Amino acid sequence: MGTAESAITLFVLARWFLEATQDSLPRAAFIGVACLSPILEEILFRGLFLRSMKAYVPGLRAALIVPTLAAAGHQNFVTALPGQLVLCLVYLRLGNSLPASVAAHIANNAWAVYWMHMVR
């Protein structure tokens, strides 16, 4: 299996995990949403799609297209798009740093899960 197929398989498995544990303990939501999903999304969208797309279209265009595709996979496109744009900028400004965009994505999702389960 190639890199693209592996990334897509991991992404599908992560989505399945999130759906399967949606009504479970907040800990399962935290692991799935705050840890697994950001890693897989960043590998797929920044590590694979953005890196590949930059070879065919100018950097700015690629930096707008890929976050749009990534936001389309979220429940609420409008609220996901700004975050996806920021993650793309983090990745690009730090020299195509996948660890930096993964860390930023995990921090964002961890805060969102905490807010949803602990504060409300």
C-alpha atoms as a PDB file:
ATOM      1  CA  MET A   1       0.000   0.000   0.000  1.00  0.00           C
ATOM      2  CA  GLY A   2       1.315   3.445  -0.926  1.00  0.00           C
ATOM      3  CA  THR A   3       1.509   6.558   1.224  1.00  0.00           C
ATOM      4  CA  ALA A   4      -1.764   7.973  -0.091  1.00  0.00           C
ATOM      5  CA  GLU A   5      -3.657   4.728   0.502  1.00  0.00           C
ATOM      6  CA  SER A   6      -2.191   4.394   4.003  1.00  0.00           C
ATOM      7  CA  ALA A   7      -3.126   7.959   4.914  1.00  0.00           C
ATOM      8  CA  ILE A   8      -6.673   7.535   3.612  1.00  0.00           C
ATOM      9  CA  THR A   9      -7.067   4.237   5.478  1.00  0.00           C
ATOM     10  CA  LEU A  10      -5.862   5.843   8.724  1.00  0.00           C
ATOM     11  CA  PHE A  11      -8.187   8.793   8.190  1.00  0.00           C
ATOM     12  CA  VAL A  12     -11.193   6.485   7.632  1.00  0.00           C
ATOM     13  CA  LEU A  13     -10.302   4.459  10.736  1.00  0.00           C
ATOM     14  CA  ALA A  14      -9.994   7.619  12.832  1.00  0.00           C
ATOM     15  CA  ARG A  15     -13.400   8.840  11.646  1.00  0.00           C
ATOM     16  CA  TRP A  16     -14.901   5.436  12.452  1.00  0.00           C
ATOM     17  CA  PHE A  17     -13.362   5.597  15.950  1.00  0.00           C
ATOM     18  CA  LEU A  18     -14.796   9.060  16.506  1.00  0.00           C
ATOM     19  CA  GLU A  19     -18.278   7.955  15.449  1.00  0.00           C
ATOM     20  CA  ALA A  20     -18.082   4.760  17.526  1.00  0.00           C
ATOM     21  CA  THR A  21     -17.059   6.608  20.698  1.00  0.00           C
ATOM     22  CA  GLN A  22     -19.225   9.677  20.218  1.00  0.00           C
ATOM     23  CA  ASP A  23     -21.509   8.847  23.153  1.00  0.00           C
ATOM     24  CA  SER A  24     -18.789   7.303  25.320  1.00  0.00           C
ATOM     25  CA  LEU A  25     -16.710   8.780  28.082  1.00  0.00           C
ATOM     26  CA  PRO A  26     -15.069  12.164  27.536  1.00  0.00           C
ATOM     27  CA  ARG A  27     -11.720  10.345  27.694  1.00  0.00           C
ATOM     28  CA  ALA A  28     -12.515   8.454  24.467  1.00  0.00           C
ATOM     29  CA  ALA A  29     -13.542  11.706  22.816  1.00  0.00           C
ATOM     30  CA  PHE A  30     -10.338  13.333  23.972  1.00  0.00           C
ATOM     31  CA  ILE A  31      -8.168  10.535  22.595  1.00  0.00           C
ATOM     32  CA  GLY A  32     -10.002  10.443  19.281  1.00  0.00           C
ATOM     33  CA  VAL A  33     -10.691  14.109  18.656  1.00  0.00           C
ATOM     34  CA  ALA A  34      -7.735  15.739  20.347  1.00  0.00           C
ATOM     35  CA  CYS A  35      -4.990  13.241  19.521  1.00  0.00           C
ATOM     36  CA  LEU A  36      -5.700  10.803  16.696  1.00  0.00           C
ATOM     37  CA  SER A  37      -7.712  12.957  14.344  1.00  0.00           C
ATOM     38  CA  PRO A  38      -5.246  15.890  14.232  1.00  0.00           C
ATOM     39  CA  ILE A  39      -2.316  13.566  13.520  1.00  0.00           C
ATOM     40  CA  LEU A  40      -4.129  11.865  10.673  1.00  0.00           C
ATOM     41  CA  GLU A  41      -5.556  15.079   9.250  1.00  0.00           C
ATOM     42  CA  GLU A  42      -2.170  16.781   9.244  1.00  0.00           C
ATOM     43  CA  ILE A  43      -0.455  13.815   7.582  1.00  0.00           C
ATOM     44  CA  LEU A  44      -3.160  13.666   4.928  1.00  0.00           C
ATOM     45  CA  PHE A  45      -3.849  17.349   4.249  1.00  0.00           C
ATOM     46  CA  ARG A  46      -0.556  19.103   4.995  1.00  0.00           C
ATOM     47  CA  GLY A  47       1.925  16.255   4.575  1.00  0.00           C
ATOM     48  CA  LEU A  48       0.421  14.715   1.456  1.00  0.00           C
ATOM     49  CA  PHE A  49      -2.067  17.034  -0.280  1.00  0.00           C
ATOM     50  CA  LEU A  50      -0.363  20.391   0.315  1.00  0.00           C
ATOM     51  CA  ARG A  51       3.123  19.111  -0.401  1.00  0.00           C
ATOM     52  CA  SER A  52       1.914  17.471  -3.638  1.00  0.00           C
ATOM     53  CA  MET A  53      -0.224  20.411  -4.718  1.00  0.00           C
ATOM     54  CA  LYS A  54       2.628  22.909  -4.306  1.00  0.00           C
ATOM     55  CA  ALA A  55       4.403  21.097  -7.146  1.00  0.00           C
ATOM     56  CA  TYR A  56       1.562  21.980  -9.541  1.00  0.00           C
ATOM     57  CA  VAL A  57       0.084  25.297  -8.393  1.00  0.00           C
ATOM     58  CA  PRO A  58       1.607  28.412  -6.787  1.00  0.00           C
ATOM     59  CA  GLY A  59       2.056  28.241  -3.011  1.00  0.00           C
ATOM     60  CA  LEU A  60      -0.676  30.761  -2.161  1.00  0.00           C
ATOM     61  CA  ARG A  61      -3.274  28.945  -4.247  1.00  0.00           C
ATOM     62  CA  ALA A  62      -2.326  25.620  -2.711  1.00  0.00           C
ATOM     63  CA  ALA A  63      -2.488  27.242   0.734  1.00  0.00           C
ATOM     64  CA  LEU A  64      -6.107  28.226   0.030  1.00  0.00           C
ATOM     65  CA  ILE A  65      -7.278  25.047  -1.704  1.00  0.00           C
ATOM     66  CA  VAL A  66      -6.017  22.480   0.817  1.00  0.00           C
ATOM     67  CA  PRO A  67      -7.549  24.136   3.919  1.00  0.00           C
ATOM     68  CA  THR A  68     -10.832  24.411   2.026  1.00  0.00           C
ATOM     69  CA  LEU A  69     -10.753  20.678   1.330  1.00  0.00           C
ATOM     70  CA  ALA A  70      -9.833  19.947   4.943  1.00  0.00           C
ATOM     71  CA  ALA A  71     -12.640  22.161   6.289  1.00  0.00           C
ATOM     72  CA  ALA A  72     -15.125  20.384   4.021  1.00  0.00           C
ATOM     73  CA  GLY A  73     -14.529  17.219   6.045  1.00  0.00           C
ATOM     74  CA  HIS A  74     -15.684  18.846   9.273  1.00  0.00           C
ATOM     75  CA  GLN A  75     -19.215  19.152  10.632  1.00  0.00           C
ATOM     76  CA  ASN A  76     -19.269  22.919  10.278  1.00  0.00           C
ATOM     77  CA  PHE A  77     -17.312  24.195   7.275  1.00  0.00           C
ATOM     78  CA  VAL A  78     -17.616  27.859   8.264  1.00  0.00           C
ATOM     79  CA  THR A  79     -16.088  27.415  11.711  1.00  0.00           C
ATOM     80  CA  ALA A  80     -13.450  24.913  10.544  1.00  0.00           C
ATOM     81  CA  LEU A  81     -12.069  26.975   7.644  1.00  0.00           C
ATOM     82  CA  PRO A  82     -10.262  29.688   9.669  1.00  0.00           C
ATOM     83  CA  GLY A  83      -8.543  27.066  11.812  1.00  0.00           C
ATOM     84  CA  GLN A  84      -7.512  25.084   8.766  1.00  0.00           C
ATOM     85  CA  LEU A  85      -6.041  28.232   7.206  1.00  0.00           C
ATOM     86  CA  VAL A  86      -4.051  28.915  10.380  1.00  0.00           C
ATOM     87  CA  LEU A  87      -2.763  25.327  10.463  1.00  0.00           C
ATOM     88  CA  CYS A  88      -1.684  25.672   6.844  1.00  0.00           C
ATOM     89  CA  LEU A  89       0.174  28.898   7.649  1.00  0.00           C
ATOM     90  CA  VAL A  90       1.877  27.261  10.640  1.00  0.00           C
ATOM     91  CA  TYR A  91       3.001  24.404   8.401  1.00  0.00           C
ATOM     92  CA  LEU A  92       4.322  26.696   5.659  1.00  0.00           C
ATOM     93  CA  ARG A  93       5.864  29.450   7.814  1.00  0.00           C
ATOM     94  CA  LEU A  94       7.827  26.931   9.877  1.00  0.00           C
ATOM     95  CA  GLY A  95       9.428  25.350   6.821  1.00  0.00           C
ATOM     96  CA  ASN A  96       6.890  22.640   5.988  1.00  0.00           C
ATOM     97  CA  SER A  97       6.937  21.465   9.596  1.00  0.00           C
ATOM     98  CA  LEU A  98       4.441  18.663  10.058  1.00  0.00           C
ATOM     99  CA  PRO A  99       5.261  18.326  13.799  1.00  0.00           C
ATOM    100  CA  ALA A 100       4.439  22.020  14.307  1.00  0.00           C
ATOM    101  CA  SER A 101       1.075  21.803  12.539  1.00  0.00           C
ATOM    102  CA  VAL A 102       0.251  18.551  14.375  1.00  0.00           C
ATOM    103  CA  ALA A 103       1.084  20.175  17.732  1.00  0.00           C
ATOM    104  CA  ALA A 104      -1.039  23.241  16.917  1.00  0.00           C
ATOM    105  CA  HIS A 105      -3.923  21.043  15.766  1.00  0.00           C
ATOM    106  CA  ILE A 106      -3.749  18.863  18.895  1.00  0.00           C
ATOM    107  CA  ALA A 107      -3.696  21.964  21.120  1.00  0.00           C
ATOM    108  CA  ASN A 108      -6.717  23.418  19.314  1.00  0.00           C
ATOM    109  CA  ASN A 109      -8.739  20.208  19.491  1.00  0.00           C
ATOM    110  CA  ALA A 110      -7.749  19.523  23.109  1.00  0.00           C
ATOM    111  CA  TRP A 111      -9.044  22.952  24.077  1.00  0.00           C
ATOM    112  CA  ALA A 112     -12.283  22.361  22.148  1.00  0.00           C
ATOM    113  CA  VAL A 113     -12.870  18.947  23.781  1.00  0.00           C
ATOM    114  CA  TYR A 114     -12.105  20.360  27.218  1.00  0.00           C
ATOM    115  CA  TRP A 115     -14.473  23.256  26.635  1.00  0.00           C
ATOM    116  CA  MET A 116     -17.281  21.003  25.369  1.00  0.00           C
ATOM    117  CA  HIS A 117     -17.032  18.368  28.127  1.00  0.00           C
ATOM    118  CA  MET A 118     -15.774  20.247  31.154  1.00  0.00           C
ATOM    119  CA  VAL A 119     -16.997  23.795  30.935  1.00  0.00           C
ATOM    120  CA  ARG A 120     -20.532  23.285  29.659  1.00  0.00           C
END
